All heavy atoms as atom14 arrays in JSON, in Angstrom:
{
  "sequence": "RMSADIARRSGGRLDVGVGLGYRDVEFDGKGVR",
  "atom14_mask": [
    [1, 1, 1, 1, 1, 1, 1, 1, 1, 1, 1, 0, 0, 0],
    [1, 1, 1, 1, 1, 1, 1, 1, 0, 0, 0, 0, 0, 0],
    [1, 1, 1, 1, 1, 1, 0, 0, 0, 0, 0, 0, 0, 0],
    [1, 1, 1, 1, 1, 0, 0, 0, 0, 0, 0, 0, 0, 0],
    [1, 1, 1, 1, 1, 1, 1, 1, 0, 0, 0, 0, 0, 0],
    [1, 1, 1, 1, 1, 1, 1, 1, 0, 0, 0, 0, 0, 0],
    [1, 1, 1, 1, 1, 0, 0, 0, 0, 0, 0, 0, 0, 0],
    [1, 1, 1, 1, 1, 1, 1, 1, 1, 1, 1, 0, 0, 0],
    [1, 1, 1, 1, 1, 1, 1, 1, 1, 1, 1, 0, 0, 0],
    [1, 1, 1, 1, 1, 1, 0, 0, 0, 0, 0, 0, 0, 0],
    [1, 1, 1, 1, 0, 0, 0, 0, 0, 0, 0, 0, 0, 0],
    [1, 1, 1, 1, 0, 0, 0, 0, 0, 0, 0, 0, 0, 0],
    [1, 1, 1, 1, 1, 1, 1, 1, 1, 1, 1, 0, 0, 0],
    [1, 1, 1, 1, 1, 1, 1, 1, 0, 0, 0, 0, 0, 0],
    [1, 1, 1, 1, 1, 1, 1, 1, 0, 0, 0, 0, 0, 0],
    [1, 1, 1, 1, 1, 1, 1, 0, 0, 0, 0, 0, 0, 0],
    [1, 1, 1, 1, 0, 0, 0, 0, 0, 0, 0, 0, 0, 0],
    [1, 1, 1, 1, 1, 1, 1, 0, 0, 0, 0, 0, 0, 0],
    [1, 1, 1, 1, 0, 0, 0, 0, 0, 0, 0, 0, 0, 0],
    [1, 1, 1, 1, 1, 1, 1, 1, 0, 0, 0, 0, 0, 0],
    [1, 1, 1, 1, 0, 0, 0, 0, 0, 0, 0, 0, 0, 0],
    [1, 1, 1, 1, 1, 1, 1, 1, 1, 1, 1, 1, 0, 0],
    [1, 1, 1, 1, 1, 1, 1, 1, 1, 1, 1, 0, 0, 0],
    [1, 1, 1, 1, 1, 1, 1, 1, 0, 0, 0, 0, 0, 0],
    [1, 1, 1, 1, 1, 1, 1, 0, 0, 0, 0, 0, 0, 0],
    [1, 1, 1, 1, 1, 1, 1, 1, 1, 0, 0, 0, 0, 0],
    [1, 1, 1, 1, 1, 1, 1, 1, 1, 1, 1, 0, 0, 0],
    [1, 1, 1, 1, 1, 1, 1, 1, 0, 0, 0, 0, 0, 0],
    [1, 1, 1, 1, 0, 0, 0, 0, 0, 0, 0, 0, 0, 0],
    [1, 1, 1, 1, 1, 1, 1, 1, 1, 0, 0, 0, 0, 0],
    [1, 1, 1, 1, 0, 0, 0, 0, 0, 0, 0, 0, 0, 0],
    [1, 1, 1, 1, 1, 1, 1, 0, 0, 0, 0, 0, 0, 0],
    [1, 1, 1, 1, 1, 1, 1, 1, 1, 1, 1, 0, 0, 0]
  ],
  "atom14_positions": [
    [[0.85, -1.22, 0.01], [-0.01, -0.01, 0.0], [0.88, 1.25, 0.01], [0.61, 2.2, -0.74], [-0.92, -0.02, 1.21], [-2.06, -1.02, 1.17], [-3.11, -0.7, 2.22], [-2.55, -0.67, 3.54], [-2.46, -1.71, 4.38], [-2.89, -2.88, 3.96], [-1.96, -1.6, 5.59], [0.0, 0.0, 0.0], [0.0, 0.0, 0.0], [0.0, 0.0, 0.0]],
    [[1.9, 1.27, 0.86], [2.77, 2.47, 0.93], [3.52, 2.65, -0.37], [3.65, 3.78, -0.89], [3.76, 2.29, 2.06], [3.16, 2.48, 3.46], [4.43, 2.43, 4.76], [5.4, 3.92, 4.36], [0.0, 0.0, 0.0], [0.0, 0.0, 0.0], [0.0, 0.0, 0.0], [0.0, 0.0, 0.0], [0.0, 0.0, 0.0], [0.0, 0.0, 0.0]],
    [[4.03, 1.58, -0.93], [4.74, 1.66, -2.21], [3.85, 2.2, -3.32], [4.28, 3.06, -4.1], [5.34, 0.3, -2.59], [6.25, -0.18, -1.63], [0.0, 0.0, 0.0], [0.0, 0.0, 0.0], [0.0, 0.0, 0.0], [0.0, 0.0, 0.0], [0.0, 0.0, 0.0], [0.0, 0.0, 0.0], [0.0, 0.0, 0.0], [0.0, 0.0, 0.0]],
    [[2.63, 1.69, -3.36], [1.7, 2.12, -4.4], [1.4, 3.62, -4.23], [1.36, 4.38, -5.21], [0.44, 1.29, -4.36], [0.0, 0.0, 0.0], [0.0, 0.0, 0.0], [0.0, 0.0, 0.0], [0.0, 0.0, 0.0], [0.0, 0.0, 0.0], [0.0, 0.0, 0.0], [0.0, 0.0, 0.0], [0.0, 0.0, 0.0], [0.0, 0.0, 0.0]],
    [[1.19, 4.05, -3.0], [0.86, 5.43, -2.76], [2.06, 6.33, -3.11], [1.86, 7.39, -3.77], [0.49, 5.62, -1.27], [0.0, 7.0, -0.96], [-0.93, 7.49, -1.67], [0.56, 7.67, -0.06], [0.0, 0.0, 0.0], [0.0, 0.0, 0.0], [0.0, 0.0, 0.0], [0.0, 0.0, 0.0], [0.0, 0.0, 0.0], [0.0, 0.0, 0.0]],
    [[3.26, 5.96, -2.71], [4.42, 6.76, -3.0], [4.7, 6.78, -4.52], [5.06, 7.84, -5.09], [5.66, 6.22, -2.28], [5.5, 6.44, -0.75], [6.95, 6.91, -2.72], [6.48, 5.67, 0.11], [0.0, 0.0, 0.0], [0.0, 0.0, 0.0], [0.0, 0.0, 0.0], [0.0, 0.0, 0.0], [0.0, 0.0, 0.0], [0.0, 0.0, 0.0]],
    [[4.49, 5.65, -5.19], [4.69, 5.61, -6.63], [3.73, 6.57, -7.32], [4.11, 7.31, -8.23], [4.51, 4.18, -7.12], [0.0, 0.0, 0.0], [0.0, 0.0, 0.0], [0.0, 0.0, 0.0], [0.0, 0.0, 0.0], [0.0, 0.0, 0.0], [0.0, 0.0, 0.0], [0.0, 0.0, 0.0], [0.0, 0.0, 0.0], [0.0, 0.0, 0.0]],
    [[2.45, 6.55, -6.92], [1.47, 7.44, -7.55], [1.8, 8.89, -7.32], [1.81, 9.71, -8.23], [0.08, 7.15, -6.97], [-0.65, 5.96, -7.63], [-2.12, 5.96, -7.25], [-2.27, 5.74, -5.79], [-2.48, 4.53, -5.24], [-2.51, 3.46, -5.99], [-2.58, 4.41, -3.93], [0.0, 0.0, 0.0], [0.0, 0.0, 0.0], [0.0, 0.0, 0.0]],
    [[2.16, 9.25, -6.07], [2.43, 10.64, -5.75], [3.69, 11.16, -6.41], [3.84, 12.4, -6.57], [2.54, 10.82, -4.2], [1.21, 10.59, -3.49], [1.4, 10.58, -1.98], [0.17, 10.27, -1.27], [-0.72, 11.16, -0.86], [-0.52, 12.46, -1.11], [-1.79, 10.8, -0.22], [0.0, 0.0, 0.0], [0.0, 0.0, 0.0], [0.0, 0.0, 0.0]],
    [[4.65, 10.25, -6.72], [5.92, 10.7, -7.3], [5.94, 10.57, -8.81], [6.99, 10.79, -9.43], [7.06, 9.86, -6.72], [6.92, 8.48, -7.09], [0.0, 0.0, 0.0], [0.0, 0.0, 0.0], [0.0, 0.0, 0.0], [0.0, 0.0, 0.0], [0.0, 0.0, 0.0], [0.0, 0.0, 0.0], [0.0, 0.0, 0.0], [0.0, 0.0, 0.0]],
    [[4.83, 10.18, -9.41], [4.81, 10.01, -10.86], [5.56, 8.75, -11.31], [6.13, 8.73, -12.39], [0.0, 0.0, 0.0], [0.0, 0.0, 0.0], [0.0, 0.0, 0.0], [0.0, 0.0, 0.0], [0.0, 0.0, 0.0], [0.0, 0.0, 0.0], [0.0, 0.0, 0.0], [0.0, 0.0, 0.0], [0.0, 0.0, 0.0], [0.0, 0.0, 0.0]],
    [[5.53, 7.72, -10.46], [6.15, 6.45, -10.84], [7.64, 6.42, -10.71], [8.33, 5.6, -11.35], [0.0, 0.0, 0.0], [0.0, 0.0, 0.0], [0.0, 0.0, 0.0], [0.0, 0.0, 0.0], [0.0, 0.0, 0.0], [0.0, 0.0, 0.0], [0.0, 0.0, 0.0], [0.0, 0.0, 0.0], [0.0, 0.0, 0.0], [0.0, 0.0, 0.0]],
    [[8.22, 7.26, -9.81], [9.64, 7.31, -9.68], [10.25, 6.44, -8.56], [11.41, 6.55, -8.21], [10.08, 8.79, -9.41], [9.88, 9.67, -10.63], [10.46, 11.05, -10.4], [9.7, 11.83, -9.42], [10.22, 12.49, -8.36], [11.52, 12.41, -8.14], [9.45, 13.17, -7.55], [0.0, 0.0, 0.0], [0.0, 0.0, 0.0], [0.0, 0.0, 0.0]],
    [[9.44, 5.52, -8.04], [9.9, 4.66, -6.94], [10.37, 3.34, -7.48], [9.67, 2.64, -8.19], [8.74, 4.43, -5.94], [9.07, 3.5, -4.77], [10.15, 4.15, -3.85], [7.81, 3.19, -3.97], [0.0, 0.0, 0.0], [0.0, 0.0, 0.0], [0.0, 0.0, 0.0], [0.0, 0.0, 0.0], [0.0, 0.0, 0.0], [0.0, 0.0, 0.0]],
    [[11.59, 2.93, -7.1], [12.13, 1.62, -7.38], [12.14, 0.79, -6.08], [12.84, 1.16, -5.14], [13.56, 1.73, -7.93], [13.6, 2.27, -9.32], [12.91, 1.73, -10.21], [14.35, 3.26, -9.59], [0.0, 0.0, 0.0], [0.0, 0.0, 0.0], [0.0, 0.0, 0.0], [0.0, 0.0, 0.0], [0.0, 0.0, 0.0], [0.0, 0.0, 0.0]],
    [[11.35, -0.25, -6.06], [11.23, -1.05, -4.84], [12.16, -2.27, -4.98], [11.8, -3.26, -5.59], [9.77, -1.48, -4.62], [9.66, -2.22, -3.3], [8.84, -0.29, -4.63], [0.0, 0.0, 0.0], [0.0, 0.0, 0.0], [0.0, 0.0, 0.0], [0.0, 0.0, 0.0], [0.0, 0.0, 0.0], [0.0, 0.0, 0.0], [0.0, 0.0, 0.0]],
    [[13.3, -2.15, -4.37], [14.25, -3.28, -4.35], [14.01, -4.08, -3.07], [13.92, -3.53, -1.99], [0.0, 0.0, 0.0], [0.0, 0.0, 0.0], [0.0, 0.0, 0.0], [0.0, 0.0, 0.0], [0.0, 0.0, 0.0], [0.0, 0.0, 0.0], [0.0, 0.0, 0.0], [0.0, 0.0, 0.0], [0.0, 0.0, 0.0], [0.0, 0.0, 0.0]],
    [[13.9, -5.39, -3.24], [13.58, -6.26, -2.09], [14.57, -7.42, -1.99], [15.02, -7.95, -3.01], [12.15, -6.77, -2.14], [11.15, -5.65, -2.01], [11.9, -7.56, -3.44], [0.0, 0.0, 0.0], [0.0, 0.0, 0.0], [0.0, 0.0, 0.0], [0.0, 0.0, 0.0], [0.0, 0.0, 0.0], [0.0, 0.0, 0.0], [0.0, 0.0, 0.0]],
    [[14.87, -7.82, -0.76], [15.75, -8.93, -0.53], [15.24, -9.79, 0.63], [14.33, -9.4, 1.36], [0.0, 0.0, 0.0], [0.0, 0.0, 0.0], [0.0, 0.0, 0.0], [0.0, 0.0, 0.0], [0.0, 0.0, 0.0], [0.0, 0.0, 0.0], [0.0, 0.0, 0.0], [0.0, 0.0, 0.0], [0.0, 0.0, 0.0], [0.0, 0.0, 0.0]],
    [[15.86, -10.95, 0.81], [15.43, -11.9, 1.83], [15.88, -11.55, 3.22], [15.22, -11.88, 4.19], [16.01, -13.29, 1.47], [15.3, -14.08, 0.37], [16.14, -15.29, -0.02], [13.93, -14.51, 0.85], [0.0, 0.0, 0.0], [0.0, 0.0, 0.0], [0.0, 0.0, 0.0], [0.0, 0.0, 0.0], [0.0, 0.0, 0.0], [0.0, 0.0, 0.0]],
    [[17.01, -10.89, 3.37], [17.61, -10.67, 4.71], [18.39, -11.89, 5.12], [18.18, -13.02, 4.61], [0.0, 0.0, 0.0], [0.0, 0.0, 0.0], [0.0, 0.0, 0.0], [0.0, 0.0, 0.0], [0.0, 0.0, 0.0], [0.0, 0.0, 0.0], [0.0, 0.0, 0.0], [0.0, 0.0, 0.0], [0.0, 0.0, 0.0], [0.0, 0.0, 0.0]],
    [[19.32, -11.7, 6.08], [20.18, -12.81, 6.45], [20.64, -12.8, 7.93], [21.18, -13.73, 8.45], [21.44, -12.82, 5.58], [22.24, -11.55, 5.67], [23.27, -11.4, 6.65], [22.0, -10.49, 4.82], [23.98, -10.27, 6.72], [22.75, -9.31, 4.92], [23.73, -9.19, 5.87], [24.44, -8.03, 5.94], [0.0, 0.0, 0.0], [0.0, 0.0, 0.0]],
    [[20.36, -11.67, 8.67], [20.84, -11.54, 10.02], [19.88, -12.11, 11.02], [18.69, -11.7, 11.07], [21.11, -10.08, 10.36], [22.18, -9.42, 9.52], [22.36, -7.96, 9.83], [22.97, -7.77, 11.17], [22.49, -6.93, 12.09], [21.4, -6.22, 11.85], [23.09, -6.81, 13.27], [0.0, 0.0, 0.0], [0.0, 0.0, 0.0], [0.0, 0.0, 0.0]],
    [[20.34, -13.07, 11.82], [19.47, -13.71, 12.82], [18.85, -12.72, 13.78], [17.66, -12.81, 14.13], [20.25, -14.76, 13.62], [20.6, -16.0, 12.79], [19.88, -16.26, 11.79], [21.56, -16.68, 13.14], [0.0, 0.0, 0.0], [0.0, 0.0, 0.0], [0.0, 0.0, 0.0], [0.0, 0.0, 0.0], [0.0, 0.0, 0.0], [0.0, 0.0, 0.0]],
    [[19.64, -11.7, 14.18], [19.14, -10.76, 15.13], [17.95, -9.98, 14.62], [17.03, -9.6, 15.35], [20.27, -9.78, 15.56], [20.7, -8.87, 14.43], [19.84, -8.93, 16.78], [0.0, 0.0, 0.0], [0.0, 0.0, 0.0], [0.0, 0.0, 0.0], [0.0, 0.0, 0.0], [0.0, 0.0, 0.0], [0.0, 0.0, 0.0], [0.0, 0.0, 0.0]],
    [[17.88, -9.78, 13.32], [16.77, -9.03, 12.73], [15.51, -9.86, 12.73], [14.43, -9.4, 13.06], [17.17, -8.59, 11.33], [18.24, -7.54, 11.3], [18.68, -7.13, 9.89], [18.83, -8.01, 9.03], [18.9, -5.93, 9.7], [0.0, 0.0, 0.0], [0.0, 0.0, 0.0], [0.0, 0.0, 0.0], [0.0, 0.0, 0.0], [0.0, 0.0, 0.0]],
    [[15.66, -11.14, 12.38], [14.48, -12.02, 12.38], [13.99, -12.23, 13.81], [12.79, -12.2, 14.11], [14.84, -13.35, 11.73], [14.9, -13.25, 10.23], [16.14, -12.98, 9.61], [13.8, -13.38, 9.46], [16.24, -12.86, 8.22], [13.87, -13.29, 8.05], [15.09, -13.05, 7.45], [0.0, 0.0, 0.0], [0.0, 0.0, 0.0], [0.0, 0.0, 0.0]],
    [[14.96, -12.45, 14.73], [14.55, -12.65, 16.16], [13.88, -11.37, 16.71], [12.86, -11.47, 17.38], [15.8, -12.98, 16.99], [16.39, -14.34, 16.63], [15.68, -15.13, 16.0], [17.54, -14.59, 17.01], [0.0, 0.0, 0.0], [0.0, 0.0, 0.0], [0.0, 0.0, 0.0], [0.0, 0.0, 0.0], [0.0, 0.0, 0.0], [0.0, 0.0, 0.0]],
    [[14.46, -10.22, 16.42], [13.91, -8.98, 16.94], [12.54, -8.67, 16.4], [11.73, -8.04, 17.09], [0.0, 0.0, 0.0], [0.0, 0.0, 0.0], [0.0, 0.0, 0.0], [0.0, 0.0, 0.0], [0.0, 0.0, 0.0], [0.0, 0.0, 0.0], [0.0, 0.0, 0.0], [0.0, 0.0, 0.0], [0.0, 0.0, 0.0], [0.0, 0.0, 0.0]],
    [[12.24, -9.12, 15.15], [10.95, -8.9, 14.55], [9.96, -10.01, 14.85], [8.8, -9.95, 14.44], [11.11, -8.76, 13.04], [11.83, -7.5, 12.58], [10.95, -6.28, 12.73], [11.59, -5.06, 12.14], [10.7, -3.88, 12.17], [0.0, 0.0, 0.0], [0.0, 0.0, 0.0], [0.0, 0.0, 0.0], [0.0, 0.0, 0.0], [0.0, 0.0, 0.0]],
    [[10.43, -11.08, 15.57], [9.56, -12.21, 15.86], [9.19, -13.0, 14.65], [8.07, -13.57, 14.56], [0.0, 0.0, 0.0], [0.0, 0.0, 0.0], [0.0, 0.0, 0.0], [0.0, 0.0, 0.0], [0.0, 0.0, 0.0], [0.0, 0.0, 0.0], [0.0, 0.0, 0.0], [0.0, 0.0, 0.0], [0.0, 0.0, 0.0], [0.0, 0.0, 0.0]],
    [[10.11, -13.11, 13.69], [9.87, -13.84, 12.45], [10.86, -14.99, 12.42], [12.07, -14.85, 12.63], [10.08, -12.96, 11.23], [9.97, -13.77, 9.95], [9.07, -11.82, 11.22], [0.0, 0.0, 0.0], [0.0, 0.0, 0.0], [0.0, 0.0, 0.0], [0.0, 0.0, 0.0], [0.0, 0.0, 0.0], [0.0, 0.0, 0.0], [0.0, 0.0, 0.0]],
    [[10.38, -16.19, 12.1], [11.29, -17.34, 11.97], [12.04, -17.24, 10.64], [11.43, -17.04, 9.59], [10.48, -18.63, 11.99], [9.69, -18.9, 13.29], [9.21, -20.35, 13.34], [8.59, -20.77, 12.07], [8.4, -22.05, 11.77], [8.75, -23.0, 12.61], [7.84, -22.37, 10.63], [0.0, 0.0, 0.0], [0.0, 0.0, 0.0], [0.0, 0.0, 0.0]]
  ]
}
């Protein structure tokens, strides 16, 4: 939703790069396995 809103407001200038992540502390801190 946020990406779509920002893309619309910016005239389609948003590049959404996504990755898996790899740090255990980040998954643990977010409560995600």
